[in-house]
Amino acid sequence: MSKITIKPMETAAETEGKAYVHWKSWQEAYAGIVDPAYLSALTLEKCLTIARRFPDRILAAKDGDRVVGFAGYGPYRDGTLPDTGEIIALYILKEYYGAGLGRRLMDAALEKLEGYGRAALWVLEDNKRAIRFYEKCGFRADGTRQILKLGTEIAEIRMILERRK
């Protein structure tokens, strides 16, 4: 592992790398959680379309020239929480688990949201590894839950990080 840098996603190569991390990390992190048919239907091409459609507010984690993780951030999307930023996505390749990269990406994304009094994120209720990670970052479930249709119905929960009272 060379020196990992975290920077805004800017180039076509970084966009392609982000798409690969999106696709590969879903296959790795959500196996046994998300409907296998849904995961099979989430192709690298679909992830590339998403990456090209939403290129803003993405931080890429790079190991040399290779994108190995990313975080997406912005204002809270549905407007129900005033003064709240959102961590929209945070994914890293499995080979980088436990190396501190997730925390570095989280910290960098939270820095981009520093003008907000709190940060929120949504996480699949059955993704216990991710929930533990977010709790270590200071997030707490606030009791809000919603059902997604990812092939089959699956629940996600909202977690909040209070930054100032």
Protein backbone atom coordinates (compact mmCIF):
# COMPACT_ATOMS: atom_id res chain seq x y z
CA MET A 1 0.00 0.00 0.00
CA SER A 2 1.55 3.31 -1.04
CA LYS A 3 0.61 6.67 0.45
CA ILE A 4 -3.15 7.11 0.21
CA THR A 5 -4.43 10.52 -0.77
CA ILE A 6 -7.96 11.86 -0.45
CA LYS A 7 -9.01 14.47 -2.97
CA PRO A 8 -12.05 15.73 -4.87
CA MET A 9 -12.97 13.48 -7.80
CA GLU A 10 -11.94 15.44 -10.88
CA THR A 11 -10.77 13.29 -13.78
CA ALA A 12 -12.41 10.73 -16.06
CA ALA A 13 -10.07 8.08 -14.65
CA GLU A 14 -11.17 8.96 -11.10
CA THR A 15 -14.82 8.76 -12.17
CA GLU A 16 -14.19 5.31 -13.63
CA GLY A 17 -12.34 4.29 -10.45
CA LYS A 18 -15.21 5.54 -8.29
CA ALA A 19 -17.64 3.48 -10.38
CA TYR A 20 -15.53 0.37 -9.89
CA VAL A 21 -15.34 0.90 -6.11
CA HIS A 22 -19.12 1.45 -6.01
CA TRP A 23 -19.77 -1.79 -7.90
CA LYS A 24 -17.14 -3.93 -6.16
CA SER A 25 -17.89 -2.70 -2.64
CA TRP A 26 -21.61 -3.46 -3.06
CA GLN A 27 -20.68 -7.00 -4.09
CA GLU A 28 -18.35 -7.34 -1.09
CA ALA A 29 -20.26 -5.53 1.65
CA TYR A 30 -23.83 -6.49 0.80
CA ALA A 31 -23.49 -10.20 -0.02
CA GLY A 32 -25.87 -11.96 2.36
CA ILE A 33 -27.68 -8.68 3.11
CA VAL A 34 -29.10 -7.50 -0.22
CA ASP A 35 -31.07 -9.75 -2.59
CA PRO A 36 -28.50 -11.59 -4.78
CA ALA A 37 -30.55 -10.89 -7.91
CA TYR A 38 -30.38 -7.15 -7.17
CA LEU A 39 -26.61 -7.34 -6.66
CA SER A 40 -26.22 -9.25 -9.93
CA ALA A 41 -28.23 -6.58 -11.74
CA LEU A 42 -26.01 -3.80 -10.36
CA THR A 43 -23.39 -3.85 -13.09
CA LEU A 44 -20.19 -1.89 -13.41
CA GLU A 45 -21.79 -0.09 -16.37
CA LYS A 46 -24.71 1.05 -14.17
CA CYS A 47 -22.27 2.32 -11.55
CA LEU A 48 -20.34 4.21 -14.25
CA THR A 49 -23.58 5.86 -15.40
CA ILE A 50 -24.27 6.91 -11.79
CA ALA A 51 -20.72 8.22 -11.33
CA ARG A 52 -20.98 10.32 -14.48
CA ARG A 53 -24.44 11.60 -13.58
CA PHE A 54 -23.42 12.70 -10.06
CA PRO A 55 -19.79 13.85 -10.23
CA ASP A 56 -20.01 16.61 -7.62
CA ARG A 57 -19.27 16.41 -3.90
CA ILE A 58 -17.30 13.18 -4.21
CA LEU A 59 -14.00 12.61 -2.43
CA ALA A 60 -11.82 9.90 -3.95
CA ALA A 61 -9.33 7.91 -1.87
CA LYS A 62 -6.40 6.95 -4.07
CA ASP A 63 -3.62 4.45 -3.49
CA GLY A 64 -1.18 5.76 -6.05
CA ASP A 65 -3.25 6.20 -9.21
CA ARG A 66 -5.92 3.67 -8.17
CA VAL A 67 -9.22 4.79 -6.61
CA VAL A 68 -9.79 2.49 -3.61
CA GLY A 69 -12.62 4.32 -1.85
CA PHE A 70 -14.91 7.31 -2.03
CA ALA A 71 -17.28 9.42 0.01
CA GLY A 72 -20.23 11.46 -1.22
CA TYR A 73 -21.58 14.34 0.84
CA GLY A 74 -23.93 17.31 0.64
CA PRO A 75 -26.90 18.98 2.26
CA TYR A 76 -29.45 16.60 3.78
CA ARG A 77 -31.49 15.49 0.78
CA ASP A 78 -35.12 15.57 1.92
CA GLY A 79 -35.11 18.85 3.82
CA THR A 80 -36.71 17.43 6.98
CA LEU A 81 -33.65 18.11 9.15
CA PRO A 82 -32.60 21.76 9.24
CA ASP A 83 -28.89 22.59 9.64
CA THR A 84 -27.91 19.06 8.58
CA GLY A 85 -25.36 17.78 6.10
CA GLU A 86 -25.44 14.22 4.81
CA ILE A 87 -22.88 11.55 4.19
CA ILE A 88 -24.57 10.16 1.09
CA ALA A 89 -22.12 7.33 0.43
CA LEU A 90 -18.92 5.95 1.89
CA TYR A 91 -17.38 2.87 0.31
CA ILE A 92 -13.93 1.32 0.30
CA LEU A 93 -12.60 -1.86 -1.22
CA LYS A 94 -12.56 -4.81 1.18
CA GLU A 95 -8.78 -5.16 0.94
CA TYR A 96 -8.54 -1.77 2.70
CA TYR A 97 -10.84 -2.65 5.62
CA GLY A 98 -9.21 -2.05 8.98
CA ALA A 99 -6.50 0.24 7.61
CA GLY A 100 -8.09 3.51 8.80
CA LEU A 101 -9.15 4.57 5.32
CA GLY A 102 -12.87 4.65 6.13
CA ARG A 103 -12.19 7.00 9.05
CA ARG A 104 -9.99 9.24 6.91
CA LEU A 105 -12.72 9.46 4.27
CA MET A 106 -15.37 10.14 6.91
CA ASP A 107 -13.28 12.88 8.51
CA ALA A 108 -12.62 14.50 5.12
CA ALA A 109 -16.33 14.42 4.21
CA LEU A 110 -17.34 15.79 7.62
CA GLU A 111 -14.84 18.61 7.13
CA LYS A 112 -16.67 19.51 3.90
CA LEU A 113 -19.89 19.62 5.98
CA GLU A 114 -18.40 21.73 8.78
CA GLY A 115 -20.96 24.50 8.32
CA TYR A 116 -23.77 22.21 9.47
CA GLY A 117 -24.74 21.62 13.10
CA ARG A 118 -25.18 17.91 12.50
CA ALA A 119 -24.53 15.23 9.94
CA ALA A 120 -26.83 12.37 9.00
CA LEU A 121 -26.48 9.17 7.03
CA TRP A 122 -28.58 6.14 6.14
CA VAL A 123 -27.30 2.59 6.59
CA LEU A 124 -28.85 -0.80 5.94
CA GLU A 125 -30.17 -2.11 9.26
CA ASP A 126 -28.53 -5.51 8.70
CA ASN A 127 -25.12 -4.02 7.88
CA LYS A 128 -23.77 -4.41 11.41
CA ARG A 129 -20.14 -3.80 10.40
CA ALA A 130 -21.03 -0.40 8.94
CA ILE A 131 -23.20 0.51 11.93
CA ARG A 132 -20.31 -0.24 14.32
CA PHE A 133 -18.01 1.90 12.16
CA TYR A 134 -20.45 4.82 12.14
CA GLU A 135 -20.90 4.54 15.90
CA LYS A 136 -17.11 4.76 16.32
CA CYS A 137 -17.30 7.97 14.28
CA GLY A 138 -19.86 9.38 16.75
CA PHE A 139 -23.09 8.70 14.85
CA ARG A 140 -26.13 7.39 16.75
CA ALA A 141 -29.34 5.86 15.40
CA ASP A 142 -32.19 8.33 15.92
CA GLY A 143 -35.05 5.80 15.60
CA THR A 144 -35.95 6.75 12.02
CA ARG A 145 -36.31 3.75 9.74
CA GLN A 146 -37.47 3.29 6.17
CA ILE A 147 -37.99 0.38 3.82
CA LEU A 148 -36.17 0.19 0.50
CA LYS A 149 -36.91 -2.10 -2.40
CA LEU A 150 -33.56 -3.62 -3.41
CA GLY A 151 -35.02 -6.64 -5.16
CA THR A 152 -36.71 -7.51 -1.88
CA GLU A 153 -37.70 -5.14 0.89
CA ILE A 154 -34.88 -4.17 3.23
CA ALA A 155 -34.77 -1.67 6.07
CA GLU A 156 -32.35 1.16 6.54
CA ILE A 157 -31.89 3.34 9.59
CA ARG A 158 -30.87 6.95 9.95
CA MET A 159 -27.88 7.84 12.10
CA ILE A 160 -27.03 11.33 13.33
CA LEU A 161 -23.83 13.00 14.47
CA GLU A 162 -24.56 16.04 16.61
CA ARG A 163 -21.76 18.53 16.06
CA ARG A 164 -23.03 21.44 18.12
CA LYS A 165 -25.94 21.88 20.46
